[in-house]
Amino acid sequence: MLLLQLTLFGNLNLEMKPPAPTPEGFAEISRIIEAVGDNSGDWKNRALDVVRQIAAERATLTADDVWDAMGSDVPQNDNRAMGAVFRVASKQGLICRLERTVKSKRKQSHFRDIRVWESLVFRGEF
């Protein structure tokens, strides 16, 4: 966020950064993602299979790619469960988090920025 402050000598740019997350905050986020993922059972297994398949076919992927591939045949009421799926896929060595985001195409995600992940199992050309 960039703020302009008017002064007697013209505009002064003040860059405001959000506070850095605390270790306790990261731990709480991890706990919530795992709890949501633990309650999603068959859906989580199916989503992980889809991540595996997409990672084998593409150099990068997002949660939107997985939601698109899954279609509406597997209901899931809590969209946060996808975070648990990506966390498991990362721990299994299928994907790696990139420091890049794109706008979600999904209305349910409010078109917010979502993480881009790199496939660690893709063997095709980039």
C-alpha atoms as a PDB file:
ATOM      1  CA  MET A   1       0.000   0.000   0.000  1.00  0.00           C
ATOM      2  CA  LEU A   2       1.369   3.415  -0.886  1.00  0.00           C
ATOM      3  CA  LEU A   3       0.249   6.559   0.890  1.00  0.00           C
ATOM      4  CA  LEU A   4       0.918  10.107  -0.186  1.00  0.00           C
ATOM      5  CA  GLN A   5       1.275  12.600   2.577  1.00  0.00           C
ATOM      6  CA  LEU A   6       1.015  16.266   1.703  1.00  0.00           C
ATOM      7  CA  THR A   7       3.690  18.419   3.268  1.00  0.00           C
ATOM      8  CA  LEU A   8       4.716  22.027   2.943  1.00  0.00           C
ATOM      9  CA  PHE A   9       7.453  20.846   0.568  1.00  0.00           C
ATOM     10  CA  GLY A  10       5.297  18.654  -1.710  1.00  0.00           C
ATOM     11  CA  ASN A  11       4.248  15.011  -1.634  1.00  0.00           C
ATOM     12  CA  LEU A  12       6.056  12.536   0.579  1.00  0.00           C
ATOM     13  CA  ASN A  13       5.692   8.843  -0.282  1.00  0.00           C
ATOM     14  CA  LEU A  14       5.189   6.583   2.724  1.00  0.00           C
ATOM     15  CA  GLU A  15       5.202   2.873   2.016  1.00  0.00           C
ATOM     16  CA  MET A  16       3.150   0.875   4.497  1.00  0.00           C
ATOM     17  CA  LYS A  17       3.871  -2.812   4.930  1.00  0.00           C
ATOM     18  CA  PRO A  18       1.675  -5.278   6.783  1.00  0.00           C
ATOM     19  CA  PRO A  19       3.147  -6.628  10.022  1.00  0.00           C
ATOM     20  CA  ALA A  20       5.239  -9.782   9.686  1.00  0.00           C
ATOM     21  CA  PRO A  21       3.416 -12.960  10.751  1.00  0.00           C
ATOM     22  CA  THR A  22       4.491 -14.401  14.082  1.00  0.00           C
ATOM     23  CA  PRO A  23       5.552 -18.029  14.606  1.00  0.00           C
ATOM     24  CA  GLU A  24       2.340 -18.485  16.620  1.00  0.00           C
ATOM     25  CA  GLY A  25       0.334 -17.130  13.680  1.00  0.00           C
ATOM     26  CA  PHE A  26       1.980 -19.588  11.274  1.00  0.00           C
ATOM     27  CA  ALA A  27       1.342 -22.439  13.705  1.00  0.00           C
ATOM     28  CA  GLU A  28      -2.343 -21.490  13.976  1.00  0.00           C
ATOM     29  CA  ILE A  29      -2.712 -21.313  10.180  1.00  0.00           C
ATOM     30  CA  SER A  30      -1.090 -24.748   9.867  1.00  0.00           C
ATOM     31  CA  ARG A  31      -3.370 -26.186  12.550  1.00  0.00           C
ATOM     32  CA  ILE A  32      -6.493 -24.864  10.797  1.00  0.00           C
ATOM     33  CA  ILE A  33      -5.436 -26.139   7.359  1.00  0.00           C
ATOM     34  CA  GLU A  34      -4.702 -29.597   8.765  1.00  0.00           C
ATOM     35  CA  ALA A  35      -8.012 -29.695  10.676  1.00  0.00           C
ATOM     36  CA  VAL A  36      -9.970 -28.753   7.569  1.00  0.00           C
ATOM     37  CA  GLY A  37      -8.026 -31.295   5.513  1.00  0.00           C
ATOM     38  CA  ASP A  38      -8.560 -34.054   8.074  1.00  0.00           C
ATOM     39  CA  ASN A  39     -12.329 -33.598   7.803  1.00  0.00           C
ATOM     40  CA  SER A  40     -12.506 -33.867   4.021  1.00  0.00           C
ATOM     41  CA  GLY A  41     -11.829 -37.638   3.629  1.00  0.00           C
ATOM     42  CA  ASP A  42     -12.552 -38.999   0.150  1.00  0.00           C
ATOM     43  CA  TRP A  43     -12.644 -35.512  -1.335  1.00  0.00           C
ATOM     44  CA  LYS A  44      -9.075 -34.852  -0.169  1.00  0.00           C
ATOM     45  CA  ASN A  45      -7.830 -38.114  -1.695  1.00  0.00           C
ATOM     46  CA  ARG A  46      -9.517 -37.338  -5.004  1.00  0.00           C
ATOM     47  CA  ALA A  47      -8.113 -33.791  -5.043  1.00  0.00           C
ATOM     48  CA  LEU A  48      -4.608 -35.113  -4.298  1.00  0.00           C
ATOM     49  CA  ASP A  49      -4.928 -37.541  -7.230  1.00  0.00           C
ATOM     50  CA  VAL A  50      -5.910 -34.616  -9.463  1.00  0.00           C
ATOM     51  CA  VAL A  51      -2.898 -32.574  -8.256  1.00  0.00           C
ATOM     52  CA  ARG A  52      -0.687 -35.593  -9.055  1.00  0.00           C
ATOM     53  CA  GLN A  53      -2.155 -35.848 -12.552  1.00  0.00           C
ATOM     54  CA  ILE A  54      -1.881 -32.109 -13.325  1.00  0.00           C
ATOM     55  CA  ALA A  55       1.663 -31.948 -11.924  1.00  0.00           C
ATOM     56  CA  ALA A  56       2.681 -34.761 -14.279  1.00  0.00           C
ATOM     57  CA  GLU A  57       1.231 -32.868 -17.261  1.00  0.00           C
ATOM     58  CA  ARG A  58       2.200 -29.227 -16.563  1.00  0.00           C
ATOM     59  CA  ALA A  59       5.170 -27.206 -15.362  1.00  0.00           C
ATOM     60  CA  THR A  60       3.012 -25.056 -13.051  1.00  0.00           C
ATOM     61  CA  LEU A  61      -0.431 -25.294 -11.484  1.00  0.00           C
ATOM     62  CA  THR A  62      -2.869 -23.459  -9.233  1.00  0.00           C
ATOM     63  CA  ALA A  63      -5.829 -24.403  -7.075  1.00  0.00           C
ATOM     64  CA  ASP A  64      -8.077 -23.172  -9.904  1.00  0.00           C
ATOM     65  CA  ASP A  65      -6.587 -25.864 -12.164  1.00  0.00           C
ATOM     66  CA  VAL A  66      -7.476 -28.537  -9.608  1.00  0.00           C
ATOM     67  CA  TRP A  67     -11.004 -27.189  -9.022  1.00  0.00           C
ATOM     68  CA  ASP A  68     -11.552 -27.092 -12.821  1.00  0.00           C
ATOM     69  CA  ALA A  69     -10.331 -30.661 -13.274  1.00  0.00           C
ATOM     70  CA  MET A  70     -12.456 -31.964 -10.410  1.00  0.00           C
ATOM     71  CA  GLY A  71     -15.634 -30.373 -11.732  1.00  0.00           C
ATOM     72  CA  SER A  72     -18.737 -30.537  -9.614  1.00  0.00           C
ATOM     73  CA  ASP A  73     -18.865 -34.300  -9.135  1.00  0.00           C
ATOM     74  CA  VAL A  74     -17.123 -34.186  -5.748  1.00  0.00           C
ATOM     75  CA  PRO A  75     -18.817 -31.729  -3.380  1.00  0.00           C
ATOM     76  CA  GLN A  76     -16.743 -29.864  -0.812  1.00  0.00           C
ATOM     77  CA  ASN A  77     -18.301 -27.147   1.289  1.00  0.00           C
ATOM     78  CA  ASP A  78     -15.094 -25.680   2.680  1.00  0.00           C
ATOM     79  CA  ASN A  79     -12.799 -24.231   0.016  1.00  0.00           C
ATOM     80  CA  ARG A  80      -9.960 -24.022   2.568  1.00  0.00           C
ATOM     81  CA  ALA A  81      -9.575 -27.785   2.278  1.00  0.00           C
ATOM     82  CA  MET A  82      -7.637 -27.251  -0.960  1.00  0.00           C
ATOM     83  CA  GLY A  83      -4.813 -25.723   1.106  1.00  0.00           C
ATOM     84  CA  ALA A  84      -4.421 -29.021   2.944  1.00  0.00           C
ATOM     85  CA  VAL A  85      -4.266 -30.864  -0.370  1.00  0.00           C
ATOM     86  CA  PHE A  86      -1.484 -28.626  -1.678  1.00  0.00           C
ATOM     87  CA  ARG A  87       0.393 -28.951   1.608  1.00  0.00           C
ATOM     88  CA  VAL A  88       0.317 -32.766   1.367  1.00  0.00           C
ATOM     89  CA  ALA A  89       1.363 -32.646  -2.304  1.00  0.00           C
ATOM     90  CA  SER A  90       4.282 -30.409  -1.356  1.00  0.00           C
ATOM     91  CA  LYS A  91       5.372 -32.732   1.468  1.00  0.00           C
ATOM     92  CA  GLN A  92       5.207 -35.667  -0.968  1.00  0.00           C
ATOM     93  CA  GLY A  93       7.605 -33.875  -3.319  1.00  0.00           C
ATOM     94  CA  LEU A  94       5.075 -33.404  -6.116  1.00  0.00           C
ATOM     95  CA  ILE A  95       5.018 -29.613  -6.133  1.00  0.00           C
ATOM     96  CA  CYS A  96       6.964 -26.637  -4.812  1.00  0.00           C
ATOM     97  CA  ARG A  97       5.580 -23.246  -3.848  1.00  0.00           C
ATOM     98  CA  LEU A  98       6.601 -20.350  -6.112  1.00  0.00           C
ATOM     99  CA  GLU A  99       6.762 -16.738  -5.000  1.00  0.00           C
ATOM    100  CA  ARG A 100       4.227 -15.891  -7.687  1.00  0.00           C
ATOM    101  CA  THR A 101       0.463 -15.430  -7.683  1.00  0.00           C
ATOM    102  CA  VAL A 102      -2.289 -15.010 -10.248  1.00  0.00           C
ATOM    103  CA  LYS A 103      -5.879 -13.839  -9.951  1.00  0.00           C
ATOM    104  CA  SER A 104      -8.306 -16.679  -9.358  1.00  0.00           C
ATOM    105  CA  LYS A 105     -10.882 -17.268 -12.068  1.00  0.00           C
ATOM    106  CA  ARG A 106     -13.382 -18.570  -9.522  1.00  0.00           C
ATOM    107  CA  LYS A 107     -16.208 -16.417  -8.209  1.00  0.00           C
ATOM    108  CA  GLN A 108     -16.189 -18.519  -5.001  1.00  0.00           C
ATOM    109  CA  SER A 109     -12.620 -17.318  -4.418  1.00  0.00           C
ATOM    110  CA  HIS A 110     -13.663 -13.707  -4.951  1.00  0.00           C
ATOM    111  CA  PHE A 111     -11.091 -13.490  -7.772  1.00  0.00           C
ATOM    112  CA  ARG A 112      -8.330 -13.030  -5.156  1.00  0.00           C
ATOM    113  CA  ASP A 113      -4.649 -13.739  -5.717  1.00  0.00           C
ATOM    114  CA  ILE A 114      -3.819 -17.437  -5.517  1.00  0.00           C
ATOM    115  CA  ARG A 115      -0.437 -19.170  -5.312  1.00  0.00           C
ATOM    116  CA  VAL A 116       1.292 -20.651  -8.352  1.00  0.00           C
ATOM    117  CA  TRP A 117       3.033 -23.963  -7.692  1.00  0.00           C
ATOM    118  CA  GLU A 118       5.847 -25.566  -9.676  1.00  0.00           C
ATOM    119  CA  SER A 119       5.599 -29.223 -10.573  1.00  0.00           C
ATOM    120  CA  LEU A 120       8.559 -31.302  -9.433  1.00  0.00           C
ATOM    121  CA  VAL A 121       7.444 -34.332 -11.467  1.00  0.00           C
ATOM    122  CA  PHE A 122       6.758 -32.695 -14.857  1.00  0.00           C
ATOM    123  CA  ARG A 123       9.113 -34.116 -17.495  1.00  0.00           C
ATOM    124  CA  GLY A 124       7.911 -32.220 -20.559  1.00  0.00           C
ATOM    125  CA  GLU A 125       9.224 -29.028 -22.079  1.00  0.00           C
ATOM    126  CA  PHE A 126       8.634 -25.695 -20.343  1.00  0.00           C
END
